[in-house]
Amino acid sequence: MSSSSGSLREQTILELRSQIRGVRAQTRLTDDFCVTPTGLSALDGLLPAGGIPQGAVVEWISPQAGQAAGSLALRASAGLLRRPGCLAVIDQGGEFHPACAAAQGIPLSRILLVRIPAMTAVNPRRFSTDLVDGMVQGQWLWALEQAARSRGVRVVLAWLPRATTSVVRRLQLAVESSQVTVMLLRPAAALRQASFADLRLMTQRRVRPGRKTGEPDQVQVTLLRSKGGVHEQHSILLQQSADGRFAE
């Protein structure tokens, strides 16, 4: 082997070691799973083990309409996307805006957007509205589960207004095998159901009296449930600017 080829080999090895150290620096290993920090110290301090677990189901509950829960889920997803794989967005309501992902540091090239066309061709004389809704819901759940099982996906983001506990349980079993992390955006009505999610967080906007135009919003995040159990609820406050970015 020539000296030049040997030097090139050593340089390649050093570069690979540097990349491995970089990946390890963005993750933390615990006895049960690997977690990735969100980069928001207050939020990481709220989360068990200091980050979002890999291969888990995370529910983001929001009692109010708005982008706070979705923006936080995207911010958490950005950290997970430091590893190979894409963000699969199951956009049931057609509400996903790519600019929101870009604001949280997610390249658009890493997003797989899944939308299912409305069943406008179905004959209403043959099928009831409830049946058609059920067929559409079944398609969305199938797409969600397939994405959760795909090893080419790192994170799944989905709006899930209603679901049985068996649906969430099936997702949990899927991610245990694939190590995909599923982020579910859910309404407050979901709190009436038992949850098999590894994490359940609630986000609420706090309106400050006398708030001036252009000042950041306050977003309260409460940890409701974790896999290891939550004995008492803890909350933090984050600042969200008009462009959607978060600060502490």
Foldseek 3Di string as FASTA:
>chain_A
DDPVVVVVVVVVVVVVVVVVVVLVVQWDDDPPFIFGALPAQVVLVQDVVRGHTFLFEEEEEEQDDDCQSVLSVLSRVQSLVVDAAAEEELEEPPPDDVLSNVLSPHDPVRYHYDYDDQPPVDDCVVDPPVRSVVVSVVVSLVVQLVLLQDLRHAEYEYEDADDAQVSQVSSSVSSVVNRHYYYYYYYPVCVVHDHPGQWYKYKYWDDDPPDDPFFWTKIKIKTDAHNVGDPDIDIDIWTATPSGDIHD
